[in-house]
C-alpha atoms as a PDB file:
ATOM      1  CA  ILE A   1     -44.943  71.915 121.445  1.00  0.00           C
ATOM      2  CA  PHE A   2     -42.760  69.040 120.469  1.00  0.00           C
ATOM      3  CA  LEU A   3     -40.368  71.276 118.629  1.00  0.00           C
ATOM      4  CA  ILE A   4     -40.351  73.226 121.854  1.00  0.00           C
ATOM      5  CA  TYR A   5     -39.690  70.091 123.935  1.00  0.00           C
ATOM      6  CA  PHE A   6     -37.099  69.135 121.642  1.00  0.00           C
ATOM      7  CA  PHE A   7     -35.382  72.176 122.275  1.00  0.00           C
ATOM      8  CA  PHE A   8     -35.811  72.770 125.703  1.00  0.00           C
ATOM      9  CA  THR A   9     -34.628  69.049 126.410  1.00  0.00           C
ATOM     10  CA  ILE A  10     -31.389  69.828 124.035  1.00  0.00           C
ATOM     11  CA  HIS A  11     -30.668  72.504 126.199  1.00  0.00           C
ATOM     12  CA  LEU A  12     -30.903  70.782 129.439  1.00  0.00           C
ATOM     13  CA  SER A  13     -28.566  68.352 127.900  1.00  0.00           C
ATOM     14  CA  CYS A  14     -25.757  71.095 126.850  1.00  0.00           C
ATOM     15  CA  MET A  15     -26.045  72.849 130.258  1.00  0.00           C
ATOM     16  CA  SER A  16     -25.413  69.520 131.959  1.00  0.00           C
ATOM     17  CA  GLN A  17     -22.026  69.317 130.636  1.00  0.00           C
ATOM     18  CA  LYS A  18     -21.020  72.646 131.086  1.00  0.00           C
ATOM     19  CA  VAL A  19     -17.951  73.770 132.805  1.00  0.00           C
ATOM     20  CA  VAL A  20     -18.832  77.122 134.779  1.00  0.00           C
ATOM     21  CA  ASN A  21     -16.678  79.546 135.737  1.00  0.00           C
ATOM     22  CA  PHE A  22     -16.904  82.330 138.484  1.00  0.00           C
ATOM     23  CA  ASN A  23     -14.949  85.217 139.016  1.00  0.00           C
ATOM     24  CA  TYR A  24     -14.823  86.629 142.403  1.00  0.00           C
ATOM     25  CA  SER A  25     -15.564  90.249 143.458  1.00  0.00           C
ATOM     26  CA  ASP A  26     -17.023  89.674 146.645  1.00  0.00           C
ATOM     27  CA  THR A  27     -17.018  87.327 150.254  1.00  0.00           C
ATOM     28  CA  SER A  28     -19.942  85.235 149.665  1.00  0.00           C
ATOM     29  CA  ILE A  29     -17.458  82.124 148.956  1.00  0.00           C
ATOM     30  CA  ASN A  30     -19.579  79.931 151.307  1.00  0.00           C
ATOM     31  CA  THR A  31     -22.385  80.242 149.152  1.00  0.00           C
ATOM     32  CA  LEU A  32     -20.836  79.430 146.115  1.00  0.00           C
ATOM     33  CA  LEU A  33     -19.151  76.377 147.505  1.00  0.00           C
ATOM     34  CA  LYS A  34     -22.646  75.021 148.834  1.00  0.00           C
ATOM     35  CA  VAL A  35     -24.040  75.586 144.981  1.00  0.00           C
ATOM     36  CA  ALA A  36     -21.217  74.182 143.464  1.00  0.00           C
ATOM     37  CA  THR A  37     -21.139  70.852 145.829  1.00  0.00           C
ATOM     38  CA  ALA A  38     -25.015  70.725 145.350  1.00  0.00           C
ATOM     39  CA  LYS A  39     -25.187  70.933 141.779  1.00  0.00           C
ATOM     40  CA  ASN A  40     -22.443  68.527 141.450  1.00  0.00           C
ATOM     41  CA  ILE A  41     -20.513  70.499 138.594  1.00  0.00           C
ATOM     42  CA  ASP A  42     -17.361  71.013 137.312  1.00  0.00           C
ATOM     43  CA  THR A  43     -16.699  74.593 138.793  1.00  0.00           C
ATOM     44  CA  LYS A  44     -13.357  76.515 137.820  1.00  0.00           C
ATOM     45  CA  ILE A  45     -12.753  79.651 139.644  1.00  0.00           C
ATOM     46  CA  ASN A  46     -10.148  82.376 138.764  1.00  0.00           C
ATOM     47  CA  VAL A  47      -7.770  83.283 141.389  1.00  0.00           C
ATOM     48  CA  TYR A  48      -4.403  85.153 141.663  1.00  0.00           C
ATOM     49  CA  SER A  49      -1.079  83.039 142.758  1.00  0.00           C
ATOM     50  CA  ILE A  50       2.538  83.505 142.743  1.00  0.00           C
ATOM     51  CA  GLN A  51       5.017  81.768 140.468  1.00  0.00           C
ATOM     52  CA  LEU A  52       7.911  81.339 141.980  1.00  0.00           C
ATOM     53  CA  LYS A  53      10.225  79.881 139.425  1.00  0.00           C
ATOM     54  CA  ALA A  54      10.116  78.215 135.836  1.00  0.00           C
ATOM     55  CA  ASN A  55      12.742  75.921 134.456  1.00  0.00           C
ATOM     56  CA  GLU A  56      13.140  73.223 132.369  1.00  0.00           C
ATOM     57  CA  SER A  57      14.624  71.082 134.895  1.00  0.00           C
ATOM     58  CA  PRO A  58      12.320  69.228 137.615  1.00  0.00           C
ATOM     59  CA  ASP A  59      14.955  69.026 140.030  1.00  0.00           C
ATOM     60  CA  GLN A  60      15.676  73.105 140.020  1.00  0.00           C
ATOM     61  CA  ILE A  61      11.888  73.227 140.609  1.00  0.00           C
ATOM     62  CA  ILE A  62      11.930  70.747 143.689  1.00  0.00           C
ATOM     63  CA  ARG A  63      14.746  72.821 145.279  1.00  0.00           C
ATOM     64  CA  ILE A  64      12.978  75.676 144.992  1.00  0.00           C
ATOM     65  CA  LYS A  65       9.711  74.170 146.447  1.00  0.00           C
ATOM     66  CA  ASN A  66      12.303  73.121 149.237  1.00  0.00           C
ATOM     67  CA  LYS A  67      13.767  76.405 149.731  1.00  0.00           C
ATOM     68  CA  TYR A  68      10.183  78.004 150.062  1.00  0.00           C
ATOM     69  CA  LEU A  69       8.954  75.426 152.307  1.00  0.00           C
ATOM     70  CA  ALA A  70      11.640  76.045 154.666  1.00  0.00           C
ATOM     71  CA  LEU A  71      10.835  79.737 154.618  1.00  0.00           C
ATOM     72  CA  PHE A  72       6.978  79.380 154.913  1.00  0.00           C
ATOM     73  CA  PRO A  73       6.201  75.797 156.264  1.00  0.00           C
ATOM     74  CA  LEU A  74       2.594  76.057 156.628  1.00  0.00           C
ATOM     75  CA  GLU A  75       2.268  76.687 152.974  1.00  0.00           C
ATOM     76  CA  ASN A  76       1.895  74.566 149.840  1.00  0.00           C
ATOM     77  CA  VAL A  77       3.507  74.663 146.515  1.00  0.00           C
ATOM     78  CA  ASP A  78       2.309  73.138 143.359  1.00  0.00           C
ATOM     79  CA  GLU A  79       4.687  71.838 141.157  1.00  0.00           C
ATOM     80  CA  LEU A  80       3.244  72.225 137.435  1.00  0.00           C
ATOM     81  CA  PHE A  81       4.156  70.954 134.241  1.00  0.00           C
ATOM     82  CA  GLU A  82       3.201  73.196 131.418  1.00  0.00           C
ATOM     83  CA  PRO A  83       5.804  71.983 128.445  1.00  0.00           C
ATOM     84  CA  PRO A  84       8.463  72.683 127.952  1.00  0.00           C
ATOM     85  CA  TYR A  85       8.268  74.170 131.757  1.00  0.00           C
ATOM     86  CA  PHE A  86       8.143  72.894 135.065  1.00  0.00           C
ATOM     87  CA  LYS A  87       6.765  75.503 137.766  1.00  0.00           C
ATOM     88  CA  ALA A  88       6.675  75.947 141.230  1.00  0.00           C
ATOM     89  CA  ILE A  89       3.248  77.925 142.236  1.00  0.00           C
ATOM     90  CA  THR A  90       2.312  79.277 145.501  1.00  0.00           C
ATOM     91  CA  GLY A  91      -1.106  80.452 147.107  1.00  0.00           C
ATOM     92  CA  ILE A  92      -4.492  80.929 145.925  1.00  0.00           C
ATOM     93  CA  TYR A  93      -5.959  84.420 146.703  1.00  0.00           C
ATOM     94  CA  LEU A  94      -9.220  85.752 145.441  1.00  0.00           C
ATOM     95  CA  ASP A  95      -8.184  89.317 146.111  1.00  0.00           C
ATOM     96  CA  LYS A  96      -4.805  90.739 144.035  1.00  0.00           C
ATOM     97  CA  ASN A  97      -4.102  92.975 146.776  1.00  0.00           C
ATOM     98  CA  LYS A  98      -3.502  89.983 149.061  1.00  0.00           C
ATOM     99  CA  ALA A  99      -1.238  88.504 146.593  1.00  0.00           C
ATOM    100  CA  GLU A 100       0.633  91.658 146.453  1.00  0.00           C
ATOM    101  CA  LYS A 101       1.364  91.586 149.657  1.00  0.00           C
ATOM    102  CA  LYS A 102       2.323  88.087 149.992  1.00  0.00           C
ATOM    103  CA  LEU A 103       4.376  88.736 146.900  1.00  0.00           C
ATOM    104  CA  LYS A 104       6.690  91.753 148.668  1.00  0.00           C
ATOM    105  CA  LYS A 105       7.389  89.136 151.240  1.00  0.00           C
ATOM    106  CA  ILE A 106       8.309  86.673 148.653  1.00  0.00           C
ATOM    107  CA  LYS A 107      10.387  88.642 146.313  1.00  0.00           C
ATOM    108  CA  ASN A 108      13.245  89.139 149.291  1.00  0.00           C
ATOM    109  CA  HIS A 109      13.869  85.473 148.600  1.00  0.00           C
ATOM    110  CA  PHE A 110      12.784  84.777 145.319  1.00  0.00           C
ATOM    111  CA  LYS A 111      13.841  87.575 143.030  1.00  0.00           C
ATOM    112  CA  SER A 112      12.090  86.248 139.594  1.00  0.00           C
ATOM    113  CA  ALA A 113       8.409  85.546 141.342  1.00  0.00           C
ATOM    114  CA  PHE A 114       5.210  87.376 140.081  1.00  0.00           C
ATOM    115  CA  ILE A 115       1.606  87.097 140.594  1.00  0.00           C
ATOM    116  CA  LEU A 116      -0.528  85.118 137.918  1.00  0.00           C
ATOM    117  CA  LYS A 117      -4.116  84.740 137.315  1.00  0.00           C
ATOM    118  CA  ARG A 118      -5.151  81.038 136.790  1.00  0.00           C
ATOM    119  CA  GLU A 119      -8.272  78.831 136.695  1.00  0.00           C
ATOM    120  CA  ILE A 120      -8.368  76.160 139.459  1.00  0.00           C
ATOM    121  CA  SER A 121     -11.256  73.353 140.078  1.00  0.00           C
ATOM    122  CA  ILE A 122     -13.593  74.611 142.972  1.00  0.00           C
ATOM    123  CA  LYS A 123     -12.488  71.397 144.600  1.00  0.00           C
ATOM    124  CA  LYS A 124      -8.939  72.224 144.535  1.00  0.00           C
ATOM    125  CA  PHE A 125      -9.746  75.977 146.217  1.00  0.00           C
ATOM    126  CA  GLN A 126     -11.907  74.077 148.662  1.00  0.00           C
ATOM    127  CA  GLU A 127      -8.959  71.893 149.669  1.00  0.00           C
ATOM    128  CA  ASN A 128      -6.981  74.693 150.329  1.00  0.00           C
ATOM    129  CA  LEU A 129      -9.757  76.592 152.443  1.00  0.00           C
ATOM    130  CA  ASN A 130      -9.739  73.133 154.691  1.00  0.00           C
ATOM    131  CA  ASN A 131      -5.678  73.341 154.685  1.00  0.00           C
ATOM    132  CA  ASN A 132      -5.651  77.015 155.961  1.00  0.00           C
ATOM    133  CA  PHE A 133      -8.542  77.060 158.642  1.00  0.00           C
END
């Protein structure tokens, strides 16, 4: 019995520090957000975004961001640094088809833009939902 208790305790300890990843294929987002919030876990989700530009110059990325926001003022642009490049990324989409539709509009102004799949925190996803509704 002690051995079972020991392994059960170790298992629970490991599970409490685990980062949980979700891939979305349905629309039950509110349920997922409630579960993640209730369990207080560092949840990451896979989403589709659009990379507008990558460049070694942060000034170039700021110019791209300003140009994008002038065209689409109600949207957000994240500035990321992944050495050696600074990147301008927009959009958080669960559905790749929606990302592709948006990319078609963006391509008229940003020829090198493309869709990328990335992981973001559930908190960032929730903030994005709150900003868009």
